[in-house]
Amino acid sequence: MNPLHKFTQLFAVARDAQEVERWIFSLVPLMVSFSFFVLFMAPVKIDNKDIVYIIAITSGFVGLQTYWIIRGWKRNEGITIILGIIGIAMAVGAAWAYIHMIRGLFAIPI
Protein backbone atom coordinates (compact mmCIF):
# COMPACT_ATOMS: atom_id res chain seq x y z
CA MET A 1 0.00 0.00 0.00
CA ASN A 2 1.22 3.46 -0.83
CA PRO A 3 2.08 5.35 2.41
CA LEU A 4 0.63 8.58 1.01
CA HIS A 5 -2.64 6.80 0.21
CA LYS A 6 -2.84 5.42 3.79
CA PHE A 7 -2.14 8.89 5.21
CA THR A 8 -4.91 10.36 3.04
CA GLN A 9 -7.31 7.65 4.21
CA LEU A 10 -6.50 8.27 7.87
CA PHE A 11 -7.69 11.86 7.77
CA ALA A 12 -10.44 11.57 5.16
CA VAL A 13 -12.98 9.61 7.18
CA ALA A 14 -15.43 10.81 9.81
CA ARG A 15 -15.38 9.36 13.31
CA ASP A 16 -18.19 7.33 14.76
CA ALA A 17 -20.36 9.37 17.14
CA GLN A 18 -20.15 6.68 19.82
CA GLU A 19 -16.34 6.56 19.81
CA VAL A 20 -16.03 8.55 23.04
CA GLU A 21 -18.59 6.31 24.74
CA ARG A 22 -16.62 3.22 23.68
CA TRP A 23 -13.41 4.78 25.02
CA ILE A 24 -14.97 5.59 28.39
CA PHE A 25 -16.42 2.09 28.72
CA SER A 26 -13.03 0.61 27.80
CA LEU A 27 -11.67 2.23 30.97
CA VAL A 28 -14.01 0.15 33.17
CA PRO A 29 -12.00 -3.14 32.96
CA LEU A 30 -8.83 -1.17 33.62
CA MET A 31 -10.32 0.40 36.74
CA VAL A 32 -11.65 -2.94 37.99
CA SER A 33 -8.31 -4.69 37.50
CA PHE A 34 -6.43 -1.86 39.20
CA SER A 35 -8.86 -1.98 42.12
CA PHE A 36 -8.07 -5.67 42.63
CA PHE A 37 -4.37 -4.91 42.27
CA VAL A 38 -4.58 -2.29 45.04
CA LEU A 39 -6.68 -4.61 47.19
CA PHE A 40 -4.13 -7.42 47.02
CA MET A 41 -1.09 -5.12 47.27
CA ALA A 42 -2.37 -3.26 50.34
CA PRO A 43 -1.26 -5.82 52.97
CA VAL A 44 2.13 -6.41 51.32
CA LYS A 45 5.03 -4.64 53.03
CA ILE A 46 7.46 -3.41 50.37
CA ASP A 47 9.53 -0.28 49.98
CA ASN A 48 8.43 2.28 47.40
CA LYS A 49 4.95 0.84 46.98
CA ASP A 50 3.82 4.14 45.48
CA ILE A 51 6.25 3.60 42.59
CA VAL A 52 4.72 0.16 41.97
CA TYR A 53 1.26 1.73 41.88
CA ILE A 54 2.36 4.49 39.49
CA ILE A 55 4.02 2.02 37.14
CA ALA A 56 0.92 -0.23 37.22
CA ILE A 57 -1.40 2.66 36.41
CA THR A 58 0.87 3.91 33.64
CA SER A 59 1.39 0.51 32.04
CA GLY A 60 -2.33 -0.26 32.09
CA PHE A 61 -3.21 3.07 30.52
CA VAL A 62 -0.45 2.78 27.90
CA GLY A 63 -1.73 -0.69 27.00
CA LEU A 64 -5.24 0.67 26.58
CA GLN A 65 -4.01 3.55 24.42
CA THR A 66 -2.00 1.12 22.30
CA TYR A 67 -5.20 -0.83 21.66
CA TRP A 68 -6.88 2.39 20.50
CA ILE A 69 -3.94 3.25 18.22
CA ILE A 70 -4.17 -0.16 16.54
CA ARG A 71 -7.95 0.16 16.28
CA GLY A 72 -7.60 3.59 14.70
CA TRP A 73 -5.05 2.27 12.21
CA LYS A 74 -7.34 -0.59 11.15
CA ARG A 75 -10.39 1.68 10.84
CA ASN A 76 -8.45 4.51 9.14
CA GLU A 77 -9.22 7.00 11.92
CA GLY A 78 -6.27 9.34 12.15
CA ILE A 79 -7.57 11.33 15.10
CA THR A 80 -7.87 8.15 17.17
CA ILE A 81 -4.21 7.41 16.46
CA ILE A 82 -3.15 10.94 17.38
CA LEU A 83 -5.19 10.92 20.59
CA GLY A 84 -3.71 7.53 21.53
CA ILE A 85 -0.18 8.84 21.06
CA ILE A 86 -1.00 11.96 23.08
CA GLY A 87 -2.52 9.77 25.81
CA ILE A 88 0.64 7.65 26.01
CA ALA A 89 2.83 10.75 26.16
CA MET A 90 0.69 12.25 28.93
CA ALA A 91 0.67 9.02 30.98
CA VAL A 92 4.43 8.57 30.72
CA GLY A 93 4.99 12.27 31.41
CA ALA A 94 2.77 12.19 34.49
CA ALA A 95 4.53 9.08 35.82
CA TRP A 96 7.93 10.65 35.19
CA ALA A 97 6.83 13.88 36.89
CA TYR A 98 5.59 11.99 39.92
CA ILE A 99 8.69 9.85 40.26
CA HIS A 100 11.22 12.65 39.71
CA MET A 101 9.51 15.78 40.99
CA ILE A 102 6.27 15.41 42.93
CA ARG A 103 7.21 12.39 45.04
CA GLY A 104 9.86 14.32 46.97
CA LEU A 105 7.47 17.18 47.79
CA PHE A 106 4.79 15.09 49.47
CA ALA A 107 5.86 12.31 51.79
CA ILE A 108 2.72 10.20 51.73
CA PRO A 109 3.20 6.80 53.37
CA ILE A 110 1.28 4.08 51.59
C-alpha atoms as a PDB file:
ATOM      1  CA  MET A   1       0.000   0.000   0.000  1.00  0.00           C
ATOM      2  CA  ASN A   2       1.218   3.463  -0.834  1.00  0.00           C
ATOM      3  CA  PRO A   3       2.076   5.350   2.406  1.00  0.00           C
ATOM      4  CA  LEU A   4       0.629   8.578   1.007  1.00  0.00           C
ATOM      5  CA  HIS A   5      -2.643   6.797   0.211  1.00  0.00           C
ATOM      6  CA  LYS A   6      -2.836   5.417   3.788  1.00  0.00           C
ATOM      7  CA  PHE A   7      -2.142   8.893   5.214  1.00  0.00           C
ATOM      8  CA  THR A   8      -4.908  10.355   3.044  1.00  0.00           C
ATOM      9  CA  GLN A   9      -7.310   7.647   4.210  1.00  0.00           C
ATOM     10  CA  LEU A  10      -6.499   8.267   7.868  1.00  0.00           C
ATOM     11  CA  PHE A  11      -7.693  11.857   7.772  1.00  0.00           C
ATOM     12  CA  ALA A  12     -10.440  11.574   5.157  1.00  0.00           C
ATOM     13  CA  VAL A  13     -12.982   9.611   7.182  1.00  0.00           C
ATOM     14  CA  ALA A  14     -15.427  10.809   9.811  1.00  0.00           C
ATOM     15  CA  ARG A  15     -15.381   9.355  13.306  1.00  0.00           C
ATOM     16  CA  ASP A  16     -18.188   7.330  14.757  1.00  0.00           C
ATOM     17  CA  ALA A  17     -20.363   9.368  17.140  1.00  0.00           C
ATOM     18  CA  GLN A  18     -20.147   6.680  19.821  1.00  0.00           C
ATOM     19  CA  GLU A  19     -16.338   6.558  19.814  1.00  0.00           C
ATOM     20  CA  VAL A  20     -16.029   8.555  23.045  1.00  0.00           C
ATOM     21  CA  GLU A  21     -18.592   6.310  24.736  1.00  0.00           C
ATOM     22  CA  ARG A  22     -16.622   3.224  23.682  1.00  0.00           C
ATOM     23  CA  TRP A  23     -13.414   4.781  25.017  1.00  0.00           C
ATOM     24  CA  ILE A  24     -14.972   5.589  28.387  1.00  0.00           C
ATOM     25  CA  PHE A  25     -16.416   2.088  28.718  1.00  0.00           C
ATOM     26  CA  SER A  26     -13.030   0.610  27.796  1.00  0.00           C
ATOM     27  CA  LEU A  27     -11.673   2.230  30.974  1.00  0.00           C
ATOM     28  CA  VAL A  28     -14.007   0.148  33.167  1.00  0.00           C
ATOM     29  CA  PRO A  29     -12.003  -3.141  32.958  1.00  0.00           C
ATOM     30  CA  LEU A  30      -8.825  -1.175  33.621  1.00  0.00           C
ATOM     31  CA  MET A  31     -10.319   0.404  36.744  1.00  0.00           C
ATOM     32  CA  VAL A  32     -11.650  -2.944  37.987  1.00  0.00           C
ATOM     33  CA  SER A  33      -8.309  -4.691  37.498  1.00  0.00           C
ATOM     34  CA  PHE A  34      -6.425  -1.863  39.199  1.00  0.00           C
ATOM     35  CA  SER A  35      -8.861  -1.981  42.122  1.00  0.00           C
ATOM     36  CA  PHE A  36      -8.073  -5.671  42.627  1.00  0.00           C
ATOM     37  CA  PHE A  37      -4.373  -4.910  42.272  1.00  0.00           C
ATOM     38  CA  VAL A  38      -4.581  -2.292  45.037  1.00  0.00           C
ATOM     39  CA  LEU A  39      -6.681  -4.615  47.187  1.00  0.00           C
ATOM     40  CA  PHE A  40      -4.127  -7.416  47.015  1.00  0.00           C
ATOM     41  CA  MET A  41      -1.085  -5.123  47.267  1.00  0.00           C
ATOM     42  CA  ALA A  42      -2.367  -3.260  50.340  1.00  0.00           C
ATOM     43  CA  PRO A  43      -1.261  -5.819  52.968  1.00  0.00           C
ATOM     44  CA  VAL A  44       2.131  -6.407  51.324  1.00  0.00           C
ATOM     45  CA  LYS A  45       5.027  -4.638  53.025  1.00  0.00           C
ATOM     46  CA  ILE A  46       7.465  -3.406  50.365  1.00  0.00           C
ATOM     47  CA  ASP A  47       9.527  -0.276  49.985  1.00  0.00           C
ATOM     48  CA  ASN A  48       8.425   2.284  47.402  1.00  0.00           C
ATOM     49  CA  LYS A  49       4.947   0.839  46.976  1.00  0.00           C
ATOM     50  CA  ASP A  50       3.821   4.144  45.478  1.00  0.00           C
ATOM     51  CA  ILE A  51       6.248   3.598  42.587  1.00  0.00           C
ATOM     52  CA  VAL A  52       4.720   0.159  41.973  1.00  0.00           C
ATOM     53  CA  TYR A  53       1.256   1.735  41.882  1.00  0.00           C
ATOM     54  CA  ILE A  54       2.363   4.488  39.493  1.00  0.00           C
ATOM     55  CA  ILE A  55       4.023   2.017  37.145  1.00  0.00           C
ATOM     56  CA  ALA A  56       0.924  -0.228  37.218  1.00  0.00           C
ATOM     57  CA  ILE A  57      -1.398   2.663  36.407  1.00  0.00           C
ATOM     58  CA  THR A  58       0.872   3.909  33.638  1.00  0.00           C
ATOM     59  CA  SER A  59       1.388   0.510  32.036  1.00  0.00           C
ATOM     60  CA  GLY A  60      -2.331  -0.261  32.092  1.00  0.00           C
ATOM     61  CA  PHE A  61      -3.209   3.075  30.522  1.00  0.00           C
ATOM     62  CA  VAL A  62      -0.451   2.782  27.903  1.00  0.00           C
ATOM     63  CA  GLY A  63      -1.727  -0.691  26.999  1.00  0.00           C
ATOM     64  CA  LEU A  64      -5.239   0.666  26.585  1.00  0.00           C
ATOM     65  CA  GLN A  65      -4.015   3.551  24.424  1.00  0.00           C
ATOM     66  CA  THR A  66      -2.004   1.116  22.301  1.00  0.00           C
ATOM     67  CA  TYR A  67      -5.204  -0.827  21.658  1.00  0.00           C
ATOM     68  CA  TRP A  68      -6.876   2.392  20.498  1.00  0.00           C
ATOM     69  CA  ILE A  69      -3.942   3.253  18.217  1.00  0.00           C
ATOM     70  CA  ILE A  70      -4.166  -0.156  16.540  1.00  0.00           C
ATOM     71  CA  ARG A  71      -7.951   0.162  16.283  1.00  0.00           C
ATOM     72  CA  GLY A  72      -7.601   3.593  14.701  1.00  0.00           C
ATOM     73  CA  TRP A  73      -5.054   2.265  12.214  1.00  0.00           C
ATOM     74  CA  LYS A  74      -7.345  -0.588  11.153  1.00  0.00           C
ATOM     75  CA  ARG A  75     -10.386   1.681  10.841  1.00  0.00           C
ATOM     76  CA  ASN A  76      -8.450   4.509   9.142  1.00  0.00           C
ATOM     77  CA  GLU A  77      -9.220   6.995  11.921  1.00  0.00           C
ATOM     78  CA  GLY A  78      -6.275   9.335  12.149  1.00  0.00           C
ATOM     79  CA  ILE A  79      -7.570  11.335  15.096  1.00  0.00           C
ATOM     80  CA  THR A  80      -7.873   8.147  17.171  1.00  0.00           C
ATOM     81  CA  ILE A  81      -4.210   7.408  16.463  1.00  0.00           C
ATOM     82  CA  ILE A  82      -3.152  10.938  17.381  1.00  0.00           C
ATOM     83  CA  LEU A  83      -5.191  10.920  20.588  1.00  0.00           C
ATOM     84  CA  GLY A  84      -3.707   7.533  21.529  1.00  0.00           C
ATOM     85  CA  ILE A  85      -0.176   8.840  21.064  1.00  0.00           C
ATOM     86  CA  ILE A  86      -1.000  11.961  23.079  1.00  0.00           C
ATOM     87  CA  GLY A  87      -2.521   9.768  25.812  1.00  0.00           C
ATOM     88  CA  ILE A  88       0.638   7.655  26.008  1.00  0.00           C
ATOM     89  CA  ALA A  89       2.832  10.746  26.164  1.00  0.00           C
ATOM     90  CA  MET A  90       0.686  12.251  28.928  1.00  0.00           C
ATOM     91  CA  ALA A  91       0.675   9.025  30.985  1.00  0.00           C
ATOM     92  CA  VAL A  92       4.433   8.566  30.717  1.00  0.00           C
ATOM     93  CA  GLY A  93       4.987  12.271  31.408  1.00  0.00           C
ATOM     94  CA  ALA A  94       2.766  12.187  34.489  1.00  0.00           C
ATOM     95  CA  ALA A  95       4.534   9.085  35.815  1.00  0.00           C
ATOM     96  CA  TRP A  96       7.928  10.651  35.194  1.00  0.00           C
ATOM     97  CA  ALA A  97       6.830  13.880  36.890  1.00  0.00           C
ATOM     98  CA  TYR A  98       5.592  11.985  39.923  1.00  0.00           C
ATOM     99  CA  ILE A  99       8.694   9.852  40.263  1.00  0.00           C
ATOM    100  CA  HIS A 100      11.220  12.648  39.711  1.00  0.00           C
ATOM    101  CA  MET A 101       9.507  15.782  40.993  1.00  0.00           C
ATOM    102  CA  ILE A 102       6.274  15.408  42.933  1.00  0.00           C
ATOM    103  CA  ARG A 103       7.206  12.389  45.042  1.00  0.00           C
ATOM    104  CA  GLY A 104       9.858  14.319  46.967  1.00  0.00           C
ATOM    105  CA  LEU A 105       7.471  17.181  47.791  1.00  0.00           C
ATOM    106  CA  PHE A 106       4.792  15.087  49.472  1.00  0.00           C
ATOM    107  CA  ALA A 107       5.863  12.311  51.785  1.00  0.00           C
ATOM    108  CA  ILE A 108       2.717  10.198  51.729  1.00  0.00           C
ATOM    109  CA  PRO A 109       3.198   6.798  53.368  1.00  0.00           C
ATOM    110  CA  ILE A 110       1.277   4.082  51.589  1.00  0.00           C
END
